Amino acid sequence: MDEAQLIDQEQDALVLLHTDGVDLPALCLFTGLSHAESRLRSVGGLSRLAKNVTTNMGRMADPECAESTAMMLDKLGVEGPDAERQEAVETVV
């Protein structure tokens, strides 16, 4: 689940998966901002997270950020001159 800090929207489904399962072994992976961990820990009905379960990936390297931003602009169908798109990417980086 990406953006796990928004767990309020998925909380009931998450508890249902945890308590009823899907008849298959499963491992949940959550990604999100630094406060996602405290949000997950606050959901009633879930087993508590182990203390060493969280990994802070840190910020993206500049080339990764540029590539990610350019891909997002493409996916959203943002139009404009190449120079303006490049300026937007550089601003984000």
PDB file of N, CA and C in Angstrom:
ATOM      1  N   MET A   1       0.850  -1.172   0.000  1.00  0.00           N
ATOM      2  CA  MET A   1       0.000   0.000   0.000  1.00  0.00           C
ATOM      3  C   MET A   1       0.888   1.224   0.000  1.00  0.00           C
ATOM      4  N   ASP A   2       0.761   2.026  -1.024  1.00  0.00           N
ATOM      5  CA  ASP A   2       1.513   3.264  -1.102  1.00  0.00           C
ATOM      6  C   ASP A   2       0.756   4.343  -0.338  1.00  0.00           C
ATOM      7  N   GLU A   3       1.465   5.299   0.172  1.00  0.00           N
ATOM      8  CA  GLU A   3       0.894   6.410   0.944  1.00  0.00           C
ATOM      9  C   GLU A   3       0.147   5.891   2.176  1.00  0.00           C
ATOM     10  N   ALA A   4       0.816   5.033   2.945  1.00  0.00           N
ATOM     11  CA  ALA A   4       0.196   4.397   4.113  1.00  0.00           C
ATOM     12  C   ALA A   4      -0.222   5.398   5.181  1.00  0.00           C
ATOM     13  N   GLN A   5       0.288   6.614   5.136  1.00  0.00           N
ATOM     14  CA  GLN A   5      -0.139   7.606   6.116  1.00  0.00           C
ATOM     15  C   GLN A   5      -1.612   7.959   5.933  1.00  0.00           C
ATOM     16  N   LEU A   6      -2.200   7.568   4.809  1.00  0.00           N
ATOM     17  CA  LEU A   6      -3.622   7.813   4.541  1.00  0.00           C
ATOM     18  C   LEU A   6      -4.462   6.596   4.913  1.00  0.00           C
ATOM     19  N   ILE A   7      -4.006   5.803   5.847  1.00  0.00           N
ATOM     20  CA  ILE A   7      -4.621   4.526   6.193  1.00  0.00           C
ATOM     21  C   ILE A   7      -6.092   4.652   6.582  1.00  0.00           C
ATOM     22  N   ASP A   8      -6.554   5.820   7.003  1.00  0.00           N
ATOM     23  CA  ASP A   8      -7.960   5.983   7.385  1.00  0.00           C
ATOM     24  C   ASP A   8      -8.893   5.475   6.295  1.00  0.00           C
ATOM     25  N   GLN A   9      -8.531   5.687   5.049  1.00  0.00           N
ATOM     26  CA  GLN A   9      -9.375   5.296   3.931  1.00  0.00           C
ATOM     27  C   GLN A   9      -9.404   3.777   3.721  1.00  0.00           C
ATOM     28  N   GLU A  10      -8.379   3.077   4.177  1.00  0.00           N
ATOM     29  CA  GLU A  10      -8.249   1.644   3.951  1.00  0.00           C
ATOM     30  C   GLU A  10      -8.314   0.829   5.241  1.00  0.00           C
ATOM     31  N   GLN A  11      -8.566   1.467   6.343  1.00  0.00           N
ATOM     32  CA  GLN A  11      -8.443   0.824   7.648  1.00  0.00           C
ATOM     33  C   GLN A  11      -9.315  -0.424   7.774  1.00  0.00           C
ATOM     34  N   ASP A  12     -10.582  -0.367   7.411  1.00  0.00           N
ATOM     35  CA  ASP A  12     -11.471  -1.521   7.559  1.00  0.00           C
ATOM     36  C   ASP A  12     -11.008  -2.698   6.712  1.00  0.00           C
ATOM     37  N   ALA A  13     -10.592  -2.426   5.490  1.00  0.00           N
ATOM     38  CA  ALA A  13     -10.108  -3.495   4.611  1.00  0.00           C
ATOM     39  C   ALA A  13      -8.838  -4.117   5.171  1.00  0.00           C
ATOM     40  N   LEU A  14      -7.973  -3.319   5.743  1.00  0.00           N
ATOM     41  CA  LEU A  14      -6.733  -3.818   6.311  1.00  0.00           C
ATOM     42  C   LEU A  14      -7.011  -4.735   7.505  1.00  0.00           C
ATOM     43  N   VAL A  15      -7.908  -4.327   8.381  1.00  0.00           N
ATOM     44  CA  VAL A  15      -8.265  -5.162   9.536  1.00  0.00           C
ATOM     45  C   VAL A  15      -8.911  -6.456   9.054  1.00  0.00           C
ATOM     46  N   LEU A  16      -9.772  -6.388   8.051  1.00  0.00           N
ATOM     47  CA  LEU A  16     -10.412  -7.592   7.507  1.00  0.00           C
ATOM     48  C   LEU A  16      -9.364  -8.557   6.945  1.00  0.00           C
ATOM     49  N   LEU A  17      -8.398  -8.048   6.194  1.00  0.00           N
ATOM     50  CA  LEU A  17      -7.327  -8.900   5.673  1.00  0.00           C
ATOM     51  C   LEU A  17      -6.533  -9.540   6.809  1.00  0.00           C
ATOM     52  N   HIS A  18      -6.306  -8.774   7.864  1.00  0.00           N
ATOM     53  CA  HIS A  18      -5.517  -9.269   8.990  1.00  0.00           C
ATOM     54  C   HIS A  18      -6.269 -10.339   9.783  1.00  0.00           C
ATOM     55  N   THR A  19      -7.563 -10.157   9.968  1.00  0.00           N
ATOM     56  CA  THR A  19      -8.320 -11.073  10.816  1.00  0.00           C
ATOM     57  C   THR A  19      -8.907 -12.250  10.036  1.00  0.00           C
ATOM     58  N   ASP A  20      -9.380 -12.037   8.817  1.00  0.00           N
ATOM     59  CA  ASP A  20      -9.991 -13.110   8.029  1.00  0.00           C
ATOM     60  C   ASP A  20      -9.041 -13.702   7.003  1.00  0.00           C
ATOM     61  N   GLY A  21      -8.093 -12.902   6.529  1.00  0.00           N
ATOM     62  CA  GLY A  21      -7.130 -13.383   5.543  1.00  0.00           C
ATOM     63  C   GLY A  21      -7.745 -13.602   4.176  1.00  0.00           C
ATOM     64  N   VAL A  22      -6.949 -14.156   3.293  1.00  0.00           N
ATOM     65  CA  VAL A  22      -7.398 -14.451   1.923  1.00  0.00           C
ATOM     66  C   VAL A  22      -7.104 -15.909   1.579  1.00  0.00           C
ATOM     67  N   ASP A  23      -6.955 -16.743   2.604  1.00  0.00           N
ATOM     68  CA  ASP A  23      -6.660 -18.174   2.434  1.00  0.00           C
ATOM     69  C   ASP A  23      -5.345 -18.432   1.716  1.00  0.00           C
ATOM     70  N   LEU A  24      -4.463 -17.478   1.738  1.00  0.00           N
ATOM     71  CA  LEU A  24      -3.116 -17.616   1.179  1.00  0.00           C
ATOM     72  C   LEU A  24      -2.140 -16.932   2.125  1.00  0.00           C
ATOM     73  N   PRO A  25      -0.922 -17.439   2.221  1.00  0.00           N
ATOM     74  CA  PRO A  25       0.071 -16.699   3.006  1.00  0.00           C
ATOM     75  C   PRO A  25       0.272 -15.314   2.376  1.00  0.00           C
ATOM     76  N   ALA A  26       0.373 -14.306   3.202  1.00  0.00           N
ATOM     77  CA  ALA A  26       0.502 -12.951   2.670  1.00  0.00           C
ATOM     78  C   ALA A  26       1.441 -12.128   3.537  1.00  0.00           C
ATOM     79  N   LEU A  27       2.094 -11.204   2.907  1.00  0.00           N
ATOM     80  CA  LEU A  27       2.948 -10.243   3.591  1.00  0.00           C
ATOM     81  C   LEU A  27       2.542  -8.868   3.086  1.00  0.00           C
ATOM     82  N   CYS A  28       2.219  -7.989   4.001  1.00  0.00           N
ATOM     83  CA  CYS A  28       1.824  -6.637   3.613  1.00  0.00           C
ATOM     84  C   CYS A  28       3.043  -5.733   3.622  1.00  0.00           C
ATOM     85  N   LEU A  29       3.135  -4.891   2.625  1.00  0.00           N
ATOM     86  CA  LEU A  29       4.210  -3.919   2.523  1.00  0.00           C
ATOM     87  C   LEU A  29       3.565  -2.546   2.389  1.00  0.00           C
ATOM     88  N   PHE A  30       3.952  -1.649   3.268  1.00  0.00           N
ATOM     89  CA  PHE A  30       3.397  -0.309   3.270  1.00  0.00           C
ATOM     90  C   PHE A  30       4.506   0.683   3.010  1.00  0.00           C
ATOM     91  N   THR A  31       4.227   1.667   2.182  1.00  0.00           N
ATOM     92  CA  THR A  31       5.173   2.747   1.945  1.00  0.00           C
ATOM     93  C   THR A  31       4.471   4.058   2.242  1.00  0.00           C
ATOM     94  N   GLY A  32       5.222   5.033   2.665  1.00  0.00           N
ATOM     95  CA  GLY A  32       4.610   6.323   2.935  1.00  0.00           C
ATOM     96  C   GLY A  32       5.580   7.262   3.598  1.00  0.00           C
ATOM     97  N   LEU A  33       5.038   8.346   4.066  1.00  0.00           N
ATOM     98  CA  LEU A  33       5.838   9.360   4.743  1.00  0.00           C
ATOM     99  C   LEU A  33       6.248   8.857   6.120  1.00  0.00           C
ATOM    100  N   SER A  34       7.117   9.600   6.759  1.00  0.00           N
ATOM    101  CA  SER A  34       7.679   9.138   8.038  1.00  0.00           C
ATOM    102  C   SER A  34       6.624   8.899   9.105  1.00  0.00           C
ATOM    103  N   HIS A  35       5.486   9.581   9.047  1.00  0.00           N
ATOM    104  CA  HIS A  35       4.462   9.362  10.067  1.00  0.00           C
ATOM    105  C   HIS A  35       3.530   8.198   9.733  1.00  0.00           C
ATOM    106  N   ALA A  36       3.773   7.486   8.630  1.00  0.00           N
ATOM    107  CA  ALA A  36       2.947   6.316   8.288  1.00  0.00           C
ATOM    108  C   ALA A  36       3.040   5.248   9.375  1.00  0.00           C
ATOM    109  N   GLU A  37       4.223   5.072   9.953  1.00  0.00           N
ATOM    110  CA  GLU A  37       4.390   4.049  10.989  1.00  0.00           C
ATOM    111  C   GLU A  37       3.458   4.308  12.173  1.00  0.00           C
ATOM    112  N   SER A  38       3.396   5.535  12.658  1.00  0.00           N
ATOM    113  CA  SER A  38       2.525   5.819  13.804  1.00  0.00           C
ATOM    114  C   SER A  38       1.059   5.654  13.427  1.00  0.00           C
ATOM    115  N   ARG A  39       0.708   5.966  12.195  1.00  0.00           N
ATOM    116  CA  ARG A  39      -0.678   5.774  11.742  1.00  0.00           C
ATOM    117  C   ARG A  39      -1.015   4.284  11.734  1.00  0.00           C
ATOM    118  N   LEU A  40      -0.120   3.434  11.241  1.00  0.00           N
ATOM    119  CA  LEU A  40      -0.374   1.995  11.219  1.00  0.00           C
ATOM    120  C   LEU A  40      -0.469   1.436  12.637  1.00  0.00           C
ATOM    121  N   ARG A  41       0.393   1.905  13.507  1.00  0.00           N
ATOM    122  CA  ARG A  41       0.375   1.427  14.892  1.00  0.00           C
ATOM    123  C   ARG A  41      -0.913   1.821  15.610  1.00  0.00           C
ATOM    124  N   SER A  42      -1.606   2.837  15.136  1.00  0.00           N
ATOM    125  CA  SER A  42      -2.832   3.308  15.799  1.00  0.00           C
ATOM    126  C   SER A  42      -4.082   2.562  15.357  1.00  0.00           C
ATOM    127  N   VAL A  43      -3.980   1.697  14.351  1.00  0.00           N
ATOM    128  CA  VAL A  43      -5.156   0.971  13.854  1.00  0.00           C
ATOM    129  C   VAL A  43      -5.486  -0.158  14.823  1.00  0.00           C
ATOM    130  N   GLY A  44      -6.651  -0.110  15.419  1.00  0.00           N
ATOM    131  CA  GLY A  44      -7.089  -1.160  16.325  1.00  0.00           C
ATOM    132  C   GLY A  44      -7.379  -2.441  15.562  1.00  0.00           C
ATOM    133  N   GLY A  45      -7.087  -3.584  16.170  1.00  0.00           N
ATOM    134  CA  GLY A  45      -7.380  -4.865  15.543  1.00  0.00           C
ATOM    135  C   GLY A  45      -6.231  -5.459  14.773  1.00  0.00           C
ATOM    136  N   LEU A  46      -5.126  -4.740  14.661  1.00  0.00           N
ATOM    137  CA  LEU A  46      -3.958  -5.267  13.974  1.00  0.00           C
ATOM    138  C   LEU A  46      -2.925  -5.712  15.007  1.00  0.00           C
ATOM    139  N   SER A  47      -2.156  -6.720  14.646  1.00  0.00           N
ATOM    140  CA  SER A  47      -1.018  -7.071  15.485  1.00  0.00           C
ATOM    141  C   SER A  47      -0.052  -5.900  15.477  1.00  0.00           C
ATOM    142  N   ARG A  48       0.632  -5.725  16.549  1.00  0.00           N
ATOM    143  CA  ARG A  48       1.577  -4.611  16.627  1.00  0.00           C
ATOM    144  C   ARG A  48       2.778  -4.860  15.732  1.00  0.00           C
ATOM    145  N   LEU A  49       3.289  -3.822  15.135  1.00  0.00           N
ATOM    146  CA  LEU A  49       4.470  -3.911  14.288  1.00  0.00           C
ATOM    147  C   LEU A  49       5.701  -4.178  15.148  1.00  0.00           C
ATOM    148  N   ALA A  50       6.595  -4.988  14.658  1.00  0.00           N
ATOM    149  CA  ALA A  50       7.866  -5.204  15.350  1.00  0.00           C
ATOM    150  C   ALA A  50       8.643  -3.893  15.375  1.00  0.00           C
ATOM    151  N   LYS A  51       9.497  -3.718  16.365  1.00  0.00           N
ATOM    152  CA  LYS A  51      10.248  -2.466  16.509  1.00  0.00           C
ATOM    153  C   LYS A  51      11.231  -2.229  15.360  1.00  0.00           C
ATOM    154  N   ASN A  52      11.745  -3.301  14.753  1.00  0.00           N
ATOM    155  CA  ASN A  52      12.746  -3.145  13.693  1.00  0.00           C
ATOM    156  C   ASN A  52      12.151  -3.298  12.294  1.00  0.00           C
ATOM    157  N   VAL A  53      10.865  -3.099  12.163  1.00  0.00           N
ATOM    158  CA  VAL A  53      10.188  -3.362  10.903  1.00  0.00           C
ATOM    159  C   VAL A  53      10.246  -2.184   9.918  1.00  0.00           C
ATOM    160  N   THR A  54      10.582  -1.009  10.395  1.00  0.00           N
ATOM    161  CA  THR A  54      10.538   0.191   9.558  1.00  0.00           C
ATOM    162  C   THR A  54      11.906   0.501   8.966  1.00  0.00           C
ATOM    163  N   THR A  55      11.902   0.819   7.671  1.00  0.00           N
ATOM    164  CA  THR A  55      13.123   1.231   6.983  1.00  0.00           C
ATOM    165  C   THR A  55      12.900   2.617   6.401  1.00  0.00           C
ATOM    166  N   ASN A  56      13.746   3.554   6.757  1.00  0.00           N
ATOM    167  CA  ASN A  56      13.676   4.879   6.179  1.00  0.00           C
ATOM    168  C   ASN A  56      14.585   4.888   4.957  1.00  0.00           C
ATOM    169  N   MET A  57      13.990   5.025   3.792  1.00  0.00           N
ATOM    170  CA  MET A  57      14.745   4.967   2.549  1.00  0.00           C
ATOM    171  C   MET A  57      15.465   6.268   2.239  1.00  0.00           C
ATOM    172  N   GLY A  58      15.125   7.338   2.938  1.00  0.00           N
ATOM    173  CA  GLY A  58      15.781   8.612   2.664  1.00  0.00           C
ATOM    174  C   GLY A  58      15.292   9.232   1.362  1.00  0.00           C
ATOM    175  N   ARG A  59      15.939  10.305   1.016  1.00  0.00           N
ATOM    176  CA  ARG A  59      15.498  11.013  -0.194  1.00  0.00           C
ATOM    177  C   ARG A  59      16.081  10.356  -1.442  1.00  0.00           C
ATOM    178  N   MET A  60      15.430  10.601  -2.560  1.00  0.00           N
ATOM    179  CA  MET A  60      15.932  10.091  -3.836  1.00  0.00           C
ATOM    180  C   MET A  60      17.186  10.851  -4.239  1.00  0.00           C
ATOM    181  N   ALA A  61      18.056  10.184  -4.959  1.00  0.00           N
ATOM    182  CA  ALA A  61      19.186  10.868  -5.587  1.00  0.00           C
ATOM    183  C   ALA A  61      18.612  11.787  -6.670  1.00  0.00           C
ATOM    184  N   ASP A  62      19.323  12.849  -6.966  1.00  0.00           N
ATOM    185  CA  ASP A  62      18.821  13.816  -7.953  1.00  0.00           C
ATOM    186  C   ASP A  62      18.415  13.177  -9.277  1.00  0.00           C
ATOM    187  N   PRO A  63      19.224  12.271  -9.869  1.00  0.00           N
ATOM    188  CA  PRO A  63      18.799  11.657 -11.132  1.00  0.00           C
ATOM    189  C   PRO A  63      17.509  10.831 -10.986  1.00  0.00           C
ATOM    190  N   GLU A  64      17.346  10.141  -9.852  1.00  0.00           N
ATOM    191  CA  GLU A  64      16.114   9.382  -9.619  1.00  0.00           C
ATOM    192  C   GLU A  64      14.918  10.310  -9.504  1.00  0.00           C
ATOM    193  N   CYS A  65      15.099  11.410  -8.805  1.00  0.00           N
ATOM    194  CA  CYS A  65      14.025  12.378  -8.643  1.00  0.00           C
ATOM    195  C   CYS A  65      13.624  12.973  -9.993  1.00  0.00           C
ATOM    196  N   ALA A  66      14.613  13.299 -10.807  1.00  0.00           N
ATOM    197  CA  ALA A  66      14.335  13.857 -12.137  1.00  0.00           C
ATOM    198  C   ALA A  66      13.567  12.849 -12.989  1.00  0.00           C
ATOM    199  N   GLU A  67      14.007  11.602 -12.970  1.00  0.00           N
ATOM    200  CA  GLU A  67      13.327  10.569 -13.757  1.00  0.00           C
ATOM    201  C   GLU A  67      11.902  10.357 -13.260  1.00  0.00           C
ATOM    202  N   SER A  68      11.722  10.286 -11.947  1.00  0.00           N
ATOM    203  CA  SER A  68      10.398  10.082 -11.366  1.00  0.00           C
ATOM    204  C   SER A  68       9.460  11.239 -11.710  1.00  0.00           C
ATOM    205  N   THR A  69       9.962  12.461 -11.612  1.00  0.00           N
ATOM    206  CA  THR A  69       9.142  13.633 -11.911  1.00  0.00           C
ATOM    207  C   THR A  69       8.758  13.673 -13.380  1.00  0.00           C
ATOM    208  N   ALA A  70       9.692  13.374 -14.268  1.00  0.00           N
ATOM    209  CA  ALA A  70       9.399  13.358 -15.705  1.00  0.00           C
ATOM    210  C   ALA A  70       8.358  12.279 -16.022  1.00  0.00           C
ATOM    211  N   MET A  71       8.483  11.117 -15.387  1.00  0.00           N
ATOM    212  CA  MET A  71       7.502  10.049 -15.608  1.00  0.00           C
ATOM    213  C   MET A  71       6.118  10.473 -15.125  1.00  0.00           C
ATOM    214  N   MET A  72       6.067  11.167 -13.989  1.00  0.00           N
ATOM    215  CA  MET A  72       4.787  11.643 -13.473  1.00  0.00           C
ATOM    216  C   MET A  72       4.154  12.642 -14.440  1.00  0.00           C
ATOM    217  N   LEU A  73       4.955  13.568 -14.961  1.00  0.00           N
ATOM    218  CA  LEU A  73       4.431  14.545 -15.921  1.00  0.00           C
ATOM    219  C   LEU A  73       3.872  13.835 -17.146  1.00  0.00           C
ATOM    220  N   ASP A  74       4.590  12.815 -17.623  1.00  0.00           N
ATOM    221  CA  ASP A  74       4.110  12.052 -18.782  1.00  0.00           C
ATOM    222  C   ASP A  74       2.806  11.326 -18.467  1.00  0.00           C
ATOM    223  N   LYS A  75       2.768  10.668 -17.310  1.00  0.00           N
ATOM    224  CA  LYS A  75       1.585   9.890 -16.933  1.00  0.00           C
ATOM    225  C   LYS A  75       0.357  10.788 -16.781  1.00  0.00           C
ATOM    226  N   LEU A  76       0.567  11.997 -16.281  1.00  0.00           N
ATOM    227  CA  LEU A  76      -0.537  12.932 -16.109  1.00  0.00           C
ATOM    228  C   LEU A  76      -0.910  13.656 -17.398  1.00  0.00           C
ATOM    229  N   GLY A  77      -0.137  13.439 -18.450  1.00  0.00           N
ATOM    230  CA  GLY A  77      -0.431  14.067 -19.733  1.00  0.00           C
ATOM    231  C   GLY A  77      -0.152  15.559 -19.756  1.00  0.00           C
ATOM    232  N   VAL A  78       0.809  15.993 -18.951  1.00  0.00           N
ATOM    233  CA  VAL A  78       1.150  17.416 -18.909  1.00  0.00           C
ATOM    234  C   VAL A  78       1.778  17.815 -20.236  1.00  0.00           C
ATOM    235  N   GLU A  79       1.262  18.882 -20.810  1.00  0.00           N
ATOM    236  CA  GLU A  79       1.763  19.358 -22.090  1.00  0.00           C
ATOM    237  C   GLU A  79       2.538  20.646 -21.893  1.00  0.00           C
ATOM    238  N   GLY A  80       3.370  20.948 -22.859  1.00  0.00           N
ATOM    239  CA  GLY A  80       4.127  22.193 -22.814  1.00  0.00           C
ATOM    240  C   GLY A  80       5.451  22.011 -23.512  1.00  0.00           C
ATOM    241  N   PRO A  81       6.118  23.116 -23.751  1.00  0.00           N
ATOM    242  CA  PRO A  81       7.424  23.046 -24.399  1.00  0.00           C
ATOM    243  C   PRO A  81       8.416  22.251 -23.539  1.00  0.00           C
ATOM    244  N   ASP A  82       9.335  21.580 -24.211  1.00  0.00           N
ATOM    245  CA  ASP A  82      10.339  20.775 -23.504  1.00  0.00           C
ATOM    246  C   ASP A  82      11.111  21.600 -22.471  1.00  0.00           C
ATOM    247  N   ALA A  83      11.410  22.837 -22.803  1.00  0.00           N
ATOM    248  CA  ALA A  83      12.173  23.679 -21.883  1.00  0.00           C
ATOM    249  C   ALA A  83      11.398  23.916 -20.582  1.00  0.00           C
ATOM    250  N   GLU A  84      10.091  24.106 -20.690  1.00  0.00           N
ATOM    251  CA  GLU A  84       9.279  24.329 -19.498  1.00  0.00           C
ATOM    252  C   GLU A  84       9.159  23.042 -18.667  1.00  0.00           C
ATOM    253  N   ARG A  85       9.023  21.908 -19.358  1.00  0.00           N
ATOM    254  CA  ARG A  85       8.972  20.630 -18.641  1.00  0.00           C
ATOM    255  C   ARG A  85      10.292  20.396 -17.908  1.00  0.00           C
ATOM    256  N   GLN A  86      11.400  20.667 -18.568  1.00  0.00           N
ATOM    257  CA  GLN A  86      12.710  20.490 -17.947  1.00  0.00           C
ATOM    258  C   GLN A  86      12.872  21.421 -16.754  1.00  0.00           C
ATOM    259  N   GLU A  87      12.388  22.640 -16.877  1.00  0.00           N
ATOM    260  CA  GLU A  87      12.450  23.589 -15.769  1.00  0.00           C
ATOM    261  C   GLU A  87      11.633  23.076 -14.577  1.00  0.00           C
ATOM    262  N   ALA A  88      10.464  22.502 -14.850  1.00  0.00           N
ATOM    263  CA  ALA A  88       9.637  21.942 -13.783  1.00  0.00           C
ATOM    264  C   ALA A  88      10.367  20.787 -13.088  1.00  0.00           C
ATOM    265  N   VAL A  89      10.987  19.919 -13.878  1.00  0.00           N
ATOM    266  CA  VAL A  89      11.733  18.797 -13.311  1.00  0.00           C
ATOM    267  C   VAL A  89      12.878  19.314 -12.451  1.00  0.00           C
ATOM    268  N   GLU A  90      13.621  20.291 -12.941  1.00  0.00           N
ATOM    269  CA  GLU A  90      14.755  20.831 -12.186  1.00  0.00           C
ATOM    270  C   GLU A  90      14.302  21.518 -10.893  1.00  0.00           C
ATOM    271  N   THR A  91      13.145  22.153 -10.934  1.00  0.00           N
ATOM    272  CA  THR A  91      12.602  22.785  -9.736  1.00  0.00           C
ATOM    273  C   THR A  91      12.293  21.750  -8.664  1.00  0.00           C
ATOM    274  N   VAL A  92      11.708  20.631  -9.065  1.00  0.00           N
ATOM    275  CA  VAL A  92      11.390  19.570  -8.115  1.00  0.00           C
ATOM    276  C   VAL A  92      12.672  18.963  -7.541  1.00  0.00           C
ATOM    277  N   VAL A  93      13.644  18.714  -8.420  1.00  0.00           N
ATOM    278  CA  VAL A  93      14.918  18.132  -7.963  1.00  0.00           C
ATOM    279  C   VAL A  93      15.576  19.080  -6.992  1.00  0.00           C
TER     280      VAL A  93
END
